[in-house]
Full PDB file with SEQRES, HELIX, SHEET, SSBOND, CRYST1, ORIGX, SCALE, CONECT and MASTER records, all heavy atoms in Angstrom:
SEQRES   1 A   35  ARG LEU VAL TRP LEU ASP ASP GLN PRO HIS ASP VAL LEU          
SEQRES   2 A   35  ALA PHE ARG VAL GLU SER ASP GLU GLY ALA VAL THR VAL          
SEQRES   3 A   35  LEU ALA ASN PRO GLY GLY SER PRO LEU                          
SHEET    1 AA1 3 LEU A   2  TRP A   4  0                                        
SHEET    2 AA1 3 LEU A  13  SER A  19 -1                                        
SHEET    3 AA1 3 GLY A  22  ALA A  28 -1                                        
CRYST1    1.000    1.000    1.000  90.00  90.00  90.00 P 1           1          
ORIGX1      1.000000  0.000000  0.000000        0.00000                         
ORIGX2      0.000000  1.000000  0.000000        0.00000                         
ORIGX3      0.000000  0.000000  1.000000        0.00000                         
SCALE1      1.000000  0.000000  0.000000        0.00000                         
SCALE2      0.000000  1.000000  0.000000        0.00000                         
SCALE3      0.000000  0.000000  1.000000        0.00000                         
ATOM      1  N   ARG A   1      90.387  94.093  83.958  1.00  0.00           N  
ATOM      2  CA  ARG A   1      89.120  93.428  84.281  1.00  0.00           C  
ATOM      3  C   ARG A   1      88.500  94.136  85.474  1.00  0.00           C  
ATOM      4  O   ARG A   1      89.167  94.388  86.481  1.00  0.00           O  
ATOM      5  CB  ARG A   1      89.371  91.953  84.626  1.00  0.00           C  
ATOM      6  CG  ARG A   1      88.109  91.151  84.960  1.00  0.00           C  
ATOM      7  CD  ARG A   1      88.488  89.698  85.213  1.00  0.00           C  
ATOM      8  NE  ARG A   1      89.239  89.539  86.452  1.00  0.00           N  
ATOM      9  CZ  ARG A   1      88.673  89.272  87.637  1.00  0.00           C  
ATOM     10  NH1 ARG A   1      87.357  89.145  87.732  1.00  0.00           N  
ATOM     11  NH2 ARG A   1      89.425  89.121  88.708  1.00  0.00           N  
ATOM     12  N   LEU A   2      87.228  94.502  85.349  1.00  0.00           N  
ATOM     13  CA  LEU A   2      86.550  95.247  86.405  1.00  0.00           C  
ATOM     14  C   LEU A   2      85.916  94.296  87.418  1.00  0.00           C  
ATOM     15  O   LEU A   2      85.229  93.344  87.042  1.00  0.00           O  
ATOM     16  CB  LEU A   2      85.491  96.171  85.806  1.00  0.00           C  
ATOM     17  CG  LEU A   2      84.751  97.090  86.781  1.00  0.00           C  
ATOM     18  CD1 LEU A   2      84.466  98.449  86.128  1.00  0.00           C  
ATOM     19  CD2 LEU A   2      83.433  96.469  87.254  1.00  0.00           C  
ATOM     20  N   VAL A   3      86.138  94.588  88.690  1.00  0.00           N  
ATOM     21  CA  VAL A   3      85.539  93.840  89.795  1.00  0.00           C  
ATOM     22  C   VAL A   3      84.816  94.841  90.694  1.00  0.00           C  
ATOM     23  O   VAL A   3      85.432  95.787  91.200  1.00  0.00           O  
ATOM     24  CB  VAL A   3      86.608  93.086  90.618  1.00  0.00           C  
ATOM     25  CG1 VAL A   3      85.952  92.337  91.778  1.00  0.00           C  
ATOM     26  CG2 VAL A   3      87.397  92.135  89.728  1.00  0.00           C  
ATOM     27  N   TRP A   4      83.519  94.646  90.887  1.00  0.00           N  
ATOM     28  CA  TRP A   4      82.764  95.544  91.763  1.00  0.00           C  
ATOM     29  C   TRP A   4      83.104  95.258  93.223  1.00  0.00           C  
ATOM     30  O   TRP A   4      83.283  94.105  93.623  1.00  0.00           O  
ATOM     31  CB  TRP A   4      81.263  95.381  91.545  1.00  0.00           C  
ATOM     32  CG  TRP A   4      80.796  95.900  90.221  1.00  0.00           C  
ATOM     33  CD1 TRP A   4      80.374  95.172  89.155  1.00  0.00           C  
ATOM     34  CD2 TRP A   4      80.716  97.274  89.832  1.00  0.00           C  
ATOM     35  NE1 TRP A   4      80.036  96.001  88.112  1.00  0.00           N  
ATOM     36  CE2 TRP A   4      80.231  97.303  88.504  1.00  0.00           C  
ATOM     37  CE3 TRP A   4      81.001  98.488  90.463  1.00  0.00           C  
ATOM     38  CZ2 TRP A   4      80.032  98.482  87.801  1.00  0.00           C  
ATOM     39  CZ3 TRP A   4      80.798  99.670  89.758  1.00  0.00           C  
ATOM     40  CH2 TRP A   4      80.321  99.670  88.446  1.00  0.00           C  
ATOM     41  N   LEU A   5      83.185  96.316  94.014  1.00  0.00           N  
ATOM     42  CA  LEU A   5      83.471  96.200  95.444  1.00  0.00           C  
ATOM     43  C   LEU A   5      82.183  96.495  96.205  1.00  0.00           C  
ATOM     44  O   LEU A   5      81.676  97.623  96.185  1.00  0.00           O  
ATOM     45  CB  LEU A   5      84.571  97.184  95.848  1.00  0.00           C  
ATOM     46  CG  LEU A   5      85.885  97.066  95.078  1.00  0.00           C  
ATOM     47  CD1 LEU A   5      86.869  98.137  95.528  1.00  0.00           C  
ATOM     48  CD2 LEU A   5      86.484  95.673  95.245  1.00  0.00           C  
ATOM     49  N   ASP A   6      81.670  95.491  96.873  1.00  0.00           N  
ATOM     50  CA  ASP A   6      80.370  95.630  97.527  1.00  0.00           C  
ATOM     51  C   ASP A   6      80.482  95.892  99.021  1.00  0.00           C  
ATOM     52  O   ASP A   6      79.494  95.791  99.748  1.00  0.00           O  
ATOM     53  CB  ASP A   6      79.533  94.371  97.277  1.00  0.00           C  
ATOM     54  CG  ASP A   6      79.168  94.214  95.810  1.00  0.00           C  
ATOM     55  OD1 ASP A   6      78.884  95.248  95.172  1.00  0.00           O  
ATOM     56  OD2 ASP A   6      79.177  93.075  95.305  1.00  0.00           O  
ATOM     57  N   ASP A   7      81.684  96.245  99.486  1.00  0.00           N  
ATOM     58  CA  ASP A   7      81.866  96.518 100.907  1.00  0.00           C  
ATOM     59  C   ASP A   7      81.793  98.020 101.194  1.00  0.00           C  
ATOM     60  O   ASP A   7      82.268  98.486 102.233  1.00  0.00           O  
ATOM     61  CB  ASP A   7      83.213  95.968 101.396  1.00  0.00           C  
ATOM     62  CG  ASP A   7      84.389  96.523 100.606  1.00  0.00           C  
ATOM     63  OD1 ASP A   7      84.163  97.179  99.566  1.00  0.00           O  
ATOM     64  OD2 ASP A   7      85.544  96.294 101.024  1.00  0.00           O  
ATOM     65  N   GLN A   8      81.189  98.786 100.266  1.00  0.00           N  
ATOM     66  CA  GLN A   8      81.052 100.228 100.431  1.00  0.00           C  
ATOM     67  C   GLN A   8      79.578 100.597 100.565  1.00  0.00           C  
ATOM     68  O   GLN A   8      78.696  99.797 100.231  1.00  0.00           O  
ATOM     69  CB  GLN A   8      81.660 100.951  99.229  1.00  0.00           C  
ATOM     70  CG  GLN A   8      83.132 100.679  99.006  1.00  0.00           C  
ATOM     71  CD  GLN A   8      83.998 101.262 100.106  1.00  0.00           C  
ATOM     72  OE1 GLN A   8      83.626 102.237 100.757  1.00  0.00           O  
ATOM     73  NE2 GLN A   8      85.164 100.660 100.327  1.00  0.00           N  
ATOM     74  N   PRO A   9      79.267 101.791 101.070  1.00  0.00           N  
ATOM     75  CA  PRO A   9      77.862 102.221 101.143  1.00  0.00           C  
ATOM     76  C   PRO A   9      77.187 102.136  99.787  1.00  0.00           C  
ATOM     77  O   PRO A   9      77.828 102.260  98.737  1.00  0.00           O  
ATOM     78  CB  PRO A   9      77.975 103.671 101.631  1.00  0.00           C  
ATOM     79  CG  PRO A   9      79.284 103.730 102.348  1.00  0.00           C  
ATOM     80  CD  PRO A   9      80.193 102.799 101.625  1.00  0.00           C  
ATOM     81  N   HIS A  10      75.873 101.970  99.801  1.00  0.00           N  
ATOM     82  CA  HIS A  10      75.135 101.711  98.565  1.00  0.00           C  
ATOM     83  C   HIS A  10      75.173 102.892  97.601  1.00  0.00           C  
ATOM     84  O   HIS A  10      74.938 102.727  96.394  1.00  0.00           O  
ATOM     85  CB  HIS A  10      73.674 101.369  98.872  1.00  0.00           C  
ATOM     86  CG  HIS A  10      72.864 102.553  99.325  1.00  0.00           C  
ATOM     87  ND1 HIS A  10      72.890 103.027 100.614  1.00  0.00           N  
ATOM     88  CD2 HIS A  10      72.024 103.383  98.641  1.00  0.00           C  
ATOM     89  CE1 HIS A  10      72.089 104.079 100.726  1.00  0.00           C  
ATOM     90  NE2 HIS A  10      71.555 104.312  99.546  1.00  0.00           N  
ATOM     91  N   ASP A  11      75.437 104.102  98.101  1.00  0.00           N  
ATOM     92  CA  ASP A  11      75.441 105.266  97.218  1.00  0.00           C  
ATOM     93  C   ASP A  11      76.826 105.610  96.691  1.00  0.00           C  
ATOM     94  O   ASP A  11      77.074 106.697  96.180  1.00  0.00           O  
ATOM     95  CB  ASP A  11      74.835 106.474  97.932  1.00  0.00           C  
ATOM     96  CG  ASP A  11      75.552 106.821  99.232  1.00  0.00           C  
ATOM     97  OD1 ASP A  11      76.423 106.043  99.652  1.00  0.00           O  
ATOM     98  OD2 ASP A  11      75.224 107.871  99.821  1.00  0.00           O  
ATOM     99  N   VAL A  12      77.762 104.659  96.805  1.00  0.00           N  
ATOM    100  CA  VAL A  12      79.125 104.851  96.316  1.00  0.00           C  
ATOM    101  C   VAL A  12      79.387 103.889  95.160  1.00  0.00           C  
ATOM    102  O   VAL A  12      79.011 102.720  95.213  1.00  0.00           O  
ATOM    103  CB  VAL A  12      80.156 104.630  97.435  1.00  0.00           C  
ATOM    104  CG1 VAL A  12      81.576 104.649  96.881  1.00  0.00           C  
ATOM    105  CG2 VAL A  12      79.993 105.685  98.521  1.00  0.00           C  
ATOM    106  N   LEU A  13      80.008 104.397  94.116  1.00  0.00           N  
ATOM    107  CA  LEU A  13      80.399 103.576  92.980  1.00  0.00           C  
ATOM    108  C   LEU A  13      81.829 103.111  93.242  1.00  0.00           C  
ATOM    109  O   LEU A  13      82.765 103.915  93.198  1.00  0.00           O  
ATOM    110  CB  LEU A  13      80.325 104.417  91.704  1.00  0.00           C  
ATOM    111  CG  LEU A  13      80.328 103.698  90.358  1.00  0.00           C  
ATOM    112  CD1 LEU A  13      79.052 102.912  90.179  1.00  0.00           C  
ATOM    113  CD2 LEU A  13      80.474 104.732  89.236  1.00  0.00           C  
ATOM    114  N   ALA A  14      81.994 101.831  93.564  1.00  0.00           N  
ATOM    115  CA  ALA A  14      83.300 101.323  93.983  1.00  0.00           C  
ATOM    116  C   ALA A  14      83.665 100.099  93.166  1.00  0.00           C  
ATOM    117  O   ALA A  14      82.893  99.135  93.085  1.00  0.00           O  
ATOM    118  CB  ALA A  14      83.273 100.965  95.467  1.00  0.00           C  
ATOM    119  N   PHE A  15      84.847 100.140  92.525  1.00  0.00           N  
ATOM    120  CA  PHE A  15      85.299  98.985  91.747  1.00  0.00           C  
ATOM    121  C   PHE A  15      86.822  98.981  91.690  1.00  0.00           C  
ATOM    122  O   PHE A  15      87.477  99.995  91.962  1.00  0.00           O  
ATOM    123  CB  PHE A  15      84.698  98.985  90.336  1.00  0.00           C  
ATOM    124  CG  PHE A  15      84.988 100.195  89.499  1.00  0.00           C  
ATOM    125  CD1 PHE A  15      86.113 100.266  88.677  1.00  0.00           C  
ATOM    126  CD2 PHE A  15      84.120 101.286  89.497  1.00  0.00           C  
ATOM    127  CE1 PHE A  15      86.366 101.372  87.887  1.00  0.00           C  
ATOM    128  CE2 PHE A  15      84.370 102.412  88.704  1.00  0.00           C  
ATOM    129  CZ  PHE A  15      85.491 102.459  87.904  1.00  0.00           C  
ATOM    130  N   ARG A  16      87.346  97.848  91.328  1.00  0.00           N  
ATOM    131  CA  ARG A  16      88.784  97.689  91.120  1.00  0.00           C  
ATOM    132  C   ARG A  16      88.996  97.188  89.699  1.00  0.00           C  
ATOM    133  O   ARG A  16      88.247  96.326  89.217  1.00  0.00           O  
ATOM    134  CB  ARG A  16      89.376  96.707  92.126  1.00  0.00           C  
ATOM    135  CG  ARG A  16      90.907  96.566  92.022  1.00  0.00           C  
ATOM    136  CD  ARG A  16      91.507  95.744  93.168  1.00  0.00           C  
ATOM    137  NE  ARG A  16      90.997  94.391  93.208  1.00  0.00           N  
ATOM    138  CZ  ARG A  16      90.144  93.935  94.141  1.00  0.00           C  
ATOM    139  NH1 ARG A  16      89.720  94.743  95.109  1.00  0.00           N  
ATOM    140  NH2 ARG A  16      89.719  92.691  94.117  1.00  0.00           N  
ATOM    141  N   VAL A  17      89.994  97.730  89.041  1.00  0.00           N  
ATOM    142  CA  VAL A  17      90.359  97.268  87.701  1.00  0.00           C  
ATOM    143  C   VAL A  17      91.717  96.594  87.808  1.00  0.00           C  
ATOM    144  O   VAL A  17      92.699  97.212  88.236  1.00  0.00           O  
ATOM    145  CB  VAL A  17      90.394  98.423  86.683  1.00  0.00           C  
ATOM    146  CG1 VAL A  17      90.832  97.904  85.311  1.00  0.00           C  
ATOM    147  CG2 VAL A  17      89.026  99.083  86.588  1.00  0.00           C  
ATOM    148  N   GLU A  18      91.750  95.318  87.445  1.00  0.00           N  
ATOM    149  CA  GLU A  18      92.962  94.508  87.564  1.00  0.00           C  
ATOM    150  C   GLU A  18      93.522  94.236  86.174  1.00  0.00           C  
ATOM    151  O   GLU A  18      92.791  93.825  85.269  1.00  0.00           O  
ATOM    152  CB  GLU A  18      92.642  93.188  88.266  1.00  0.00           C  
ATOM    153  CG  GLU A  18      92.023  93.377  89.655  1.00  0.00           C  
ATOM    154  CD  GLU A  18      91.455  92.087  90.231  1.00  0.00           C  
ATOM    155  OE1 GLU A  18      91.282  91.120  89.435  1.00  0.00           O  
ATOM    156  OE2 GLU A  18      91.165  92.041  91.437  1.00  0.00           O  
ATOM    157  N   SER A  19      94.819  94.451  86.014  1.00  0.00           N  
ATOM    158  CA  SER A  19      95.475  94.173  84.741  1.00  0.00           C  
ATOM    159  C   SER A  19      96.808  93.500  85.011  1.00  0.00           C  
ATOM    160  O   SER A  19      97.207  93.309  86.168  1.00  0.00           O  
ATOM    161  CB  SER A  19      95.695  95.475  83.956  1.00  0.00           C  
ATOM    162  OG  SER A  19      96.787  96.194  84.486  1.00  0.00           O  
ATOM    163  N   ASP A  20      97.538  93.173  83.955  1.00  0.00           N  
ATOM    164  CA  ASP A  20      98.860  92.567  84.113  1.00  0.00           C  
ATOM    165  C   ASP A  20      99.848  93.526  84.764  1.00  0.00           C  
ATOM    166  O   ASP A  20     100.907  93.103  85.234  1.00  0.00           O  
ATOM    167  CB  ASP A  20      99.403  92.128  82.745  1.00  0.00           C  
ATOM    168  CG  ASP A  20      98.610  90.977  82.156  1.00  0.00           C  
ATOM    169  OD1 ASP A  20      97.876  90.302  82.921  1.00  0.00           O  
ATOM    170  OD2 ASP A  20      98.711  90.761  80.934  1.00  0.00           O  
ATOM    171  N   GLU A  21      99.510  94.830  84.787  1.00  0.00           N  
ATOM    172  CA  GLU A  21     100.393  95.832  85.374  1.00  0.00           C  
ATOM    173  C   GLU A  21      99.974  96.220  86.789  1.00  0.00           C  
ATOM    174  O   GLU A  21     100.439  97.225  87.322  1.00  0.00           O  
ATOM    175  CB  GLU A  21     100.423  97.077  84.488  1.00  0.00           C  
ATOM    176  CG  GLU A  21     100.863  96.822  83.068  1.00  0.00           C  
ATOM    177  CD  GLU A  21     102.277  96.271  82.991  1.00  0.00           C  
ATOM    178  OE1 GLU A  21     103.108  96.659  83.827  1.00  0.00           O  
ATOM    179  OE2 GLU A  21     102.536  95.436  82.097  1.00  0.00           O  
ATOM    180  N   GLY A  22      99.081  95.434  87.400  1.00  0.00           N  
ATOM    181  CA  GLY A  22      98.652  95.737  88.760  1.00  0.00           C  
ATOM    182  C   GLY A  22      97.173  96.028  88.830  1.00  0.00           C  
ATOM    183  O   GLY A  22      96.393  95.602  87.979  1.00  0.00           O  
ATOM    184  N   ALA A  23      96.767  96.769  89.857  1.00  0.00           N  
ATOM    185  CA  ALA A  23      95.351  97.054  90.067  1.00  0.00           C  
ATOM    186  C   ALA A  23      95.184  98.482  90.557  1.00  0.00           C  
ATOM    187  O   ALA A  23      96.055  99.046  91.222  1.00  0.00           O  
ATOM    188  CB  ALA A  23      94.747  96.078  91.069  1.00  0.00           C  
ATOM    189  N   VAL A  24      94.039  99.072  90.212  1.00  0.00           N  
ATOM    190  CA  VAL A  24      93.662 100.397  90.681  1.00  0.00           C  
ATOM    191  C   VAL A  24      92.244 100.312  91.221  1.00  0.00           C  
ATOM    192  O   VAL A  24      91.356  99.732  90.579  1.00  0.00           O  
ATOM    193  CB  VAL A  24      93.735 101.437  89.550  1.00  0.00           C  
ATOM    194  CG1 VAL A  24      93.123 102.768  89.988  1.00  0.00           C  
ATOM    195  CG2 VAL A  24      95.177 101.649  89.101  1.00  0.00           C  
ATOM    196  N   THR A  25      92.029 100.870  92.409  1.00  0.00           N  
ATOM    197  CA  THR A  25      90.701 100.927  93.005  1.00  0.00           C  
ATOM    198  C   THR A  25      90.106 102.306  92.755  1.00  0.00           C  
ATOM    199  O   THR A  25      90.781 103.328  92.937  1.00  0.00           O  
ATOM    200  CB  THR A  25      90.768 100.651  94.512  1.00  0.00           C  
ATOM    201  OG1 THR A  25      91.190  99.299  94.718  1.00  0.00           O  
ATOM    202  CG2 THR A  25      89.409 100.849  95.175  1.00  0.00           C  
ATOM    203  N   VAL A  26      88.867 102.334  92.341  1.00  0.00           N  
ATOM    204  CA  VAL A  26      88.170 103.574  92.026  1.00  0.00           C  
ATOM    205  C   VAL A  26      86.997 103.735  92.973  1.00  0.00           C  
ATOM    206  O   VAL A  26      86.143 102.832  93.074  1.00  0.00           O  
ATOM    207  CB  VAL A  26      87.684 103.581  90.563  1.00  0.00           C  
ATOM    208  CG1 VAL A  26      86.913 104.864  90.261  1.00  0.00           C  
ATOM    209  CG2 VAL A  26      88.870 103.440  89.609  1.00  0.00           C  
ATOM    210  N   LEU A  27      86.938 104.850  93.664  1.00  0.00           N  
ATOM    211  CA  LEU A  27      85.821 105.189  94.543  1.00  0.00           C  
ATOM    212  C   LEU A  27      85.215 106.492  94.035  1.00  0.00           C  
ATOM    213  O   LEU A  27      85.863 107.541  94.055  1.00  0.00           O  
ATOM    214  CB  LEU A  27      86.293 105.356  95.992  1.00  0.00           C  
ATOM    215  CG  LEU A  27      86.948 104.143  96.654  1.00  0.00           C  
ATOM    216  CD1 LEU A  27      87.402 104.490  98.056  1.00  0.00           C  
ATOM    217  CD2 LEU A  27      85.993 102.950  96.685  1.00  0.00           C  
ATOM    218  N   ALA A  28      83.992 106.420  93.555  1.00  0.00           N  
ATOM    219  CA  ALA A  28      83.276 107.600  93.071  1.00  0.00           C  
ATOM    220  C   ALA A  28      82.073 107.833  93.966  1.00  0.00           C  
ATOM    221  O   ALA A  28      81.365 106.886  94.316  1.00  0.00           O  
ATOM    222  CB  ALA A  28      82.844 107.397  91.623  1.00  0.00           C  
ATOM    223  N   ASN A  29      81.842 109.081  94.295  1.00  0.00           N  
ATOM    224  CA  ASN A  29      80.811 109.414  95.280  1.00  0.00           C  
ATOM    225  C   ASN A  29      79.766 110.353  94.681  1.00  0.00           C  
ATOM    226  O   ASN A  29      79.829 111.562  94.885  1.00  0.00           O  
ATOM    227  CB  ASN A  29      81.465 110.054  96.507  1.00  0.00           C  
ATOM    228  CG  ASN A  29      80.474 110.325  97.614  1.00  0.00           C  
ATOM    229  OD1 ASN A  29      79.321 109.922  97.540  1.00  0.00           O  
ATOM    230  ND2 ASN A  29      80.918 111.031  98.646  1.00  0.00           N  
ATOM    231  N   PRO A  30      78.796 109.824  93.910  1.00  0.00           N  
ATOM    232  CA  PRO A  30      77.708 110.682  93.430  1.00  0.00           C  
ATOM    233  C   PRO A  30      76.691 111.011  94.521  1.00  0.00           C  
ATOM    234  O   PRO A  30      75.748 111.763  94.276  1.00  0.00           O  
ATOM    235  CB  PRO A  30      77.055 109.834  92.327  1.00  0.00           C  
ATOM    236  CG  PRO A  30      78.020 108.735  92.034  1.00  0.00           C  
ATOM    237  CD  PRO A  30      78.731 108.482  93.330  1.00  0.00           C  
ATOM    238  N   GLY A  31      76.864 110.450  95.711  1.00  0.00           N  
ATOM    239  CA  GLY A  31      75.902 110.650  96.794  1.00  0.00           C  
ATOM    240  C   GLY A  31      76.090 111.968  97.518  1.00  0.00           C  
ATOM    241  O   GLY A  31      76.839 112.845  97.103  1.00  0.00           O  
ATOM    242  N   GLY A  32      75.435 112.102  98.665  1.00  0.00           N  
ATOM    243  CA  GLY A  32      75.433 113.371  99.367  1.00  0.00           C  
ATOM    244  C   GLY A  32      76.279 113.426 100.607  1.00  0.00           C  
ATOM    245  O   GLY A  32      76.346 114.461 101.270  1.00  0.00           O  
ATOM    246  N   SER A  33      76.948 112.333 100.987  1.00  0.00           N  
ATOM    247  CA  SER A  33      77.730 112.306 102.216  1.00  0.00           C  
ATOM    248  C   SER A  33      79.181 111.954 101.909  1.00  0.00           C  
ATOM    249  O   SER A  33      79.448 111.140 101.022  1.00  0.00           O  
ATOM    250  CB  SER A  33      77.150 111.258 103.186  1.00  0.00           C  
ATOM    251  OG  SER A  33      75.795 111.543 103.480  1.00  0.00           O  
ATOM    252  N   PRO A  34      80.125 112.534 102.653  1.00  0.00           N  
ATOM    253  CA  PRO A  34      81.533 112.165 102.458  1.00  0.00           C  
ATOM    254  C   PRO A  34      81.759 110.689 102.777  1.00  0.00           C  
ATOM    255  O   PRO A  34      81.103 110.123 103.655  1.00  0.00           O  
ATOM    256  CB  PRO A  34      82.276 113.064 103.451  1.00  0.00           C  
ATOM    257  CG  PRO A  34      81.340 114.200 103.716  1.00  0.00           C  
ATOM    258  CD  PRO A  34      79.963 113.616 103.626  1.00  0.00           C  
ATOM    259  N   LEU A  35      82.688 110.094 102.061  1.00  0.00           N  
ATOM    260  CA  LEU A  35      83.027 108.681 102.252  1.00  0.00           C  
ATOM    261  C   LEU A  35      84.440 108.591 102.818  1.00  0.00           C  
ATOM    262  O   LEU A  35      85.385 109.077 102.188  1.00  0.00           O  
ATOM    263  CB  LEU A  35      82.969 107.944 100.912  1.00  0.00           C  
ATOM    264  CG  LEU A  35      83.564 106.540 100.873  1.00  0.00           C  
ATOM    265  CD1 LEU A  35      82.674 105.565 101.633  1.00  0.00           C  
ATOM    266  CD2 LEU A  35      83.761 106.080  99.426  1.00  0.00           C  
TER     267      LEU A  35                                                      
MASTER        0    0    0    0    3    0    0    6  266    1    0    3          
END                                                                             
């Protein structure tokens, strides 16, 4: 199940995927500055 993470800069794609086997956080940076 995907949960958006809104505590990141607006130009970052941030979400967590939760399953019965745990969770993985994904941070993708299509923007122009390092995160």
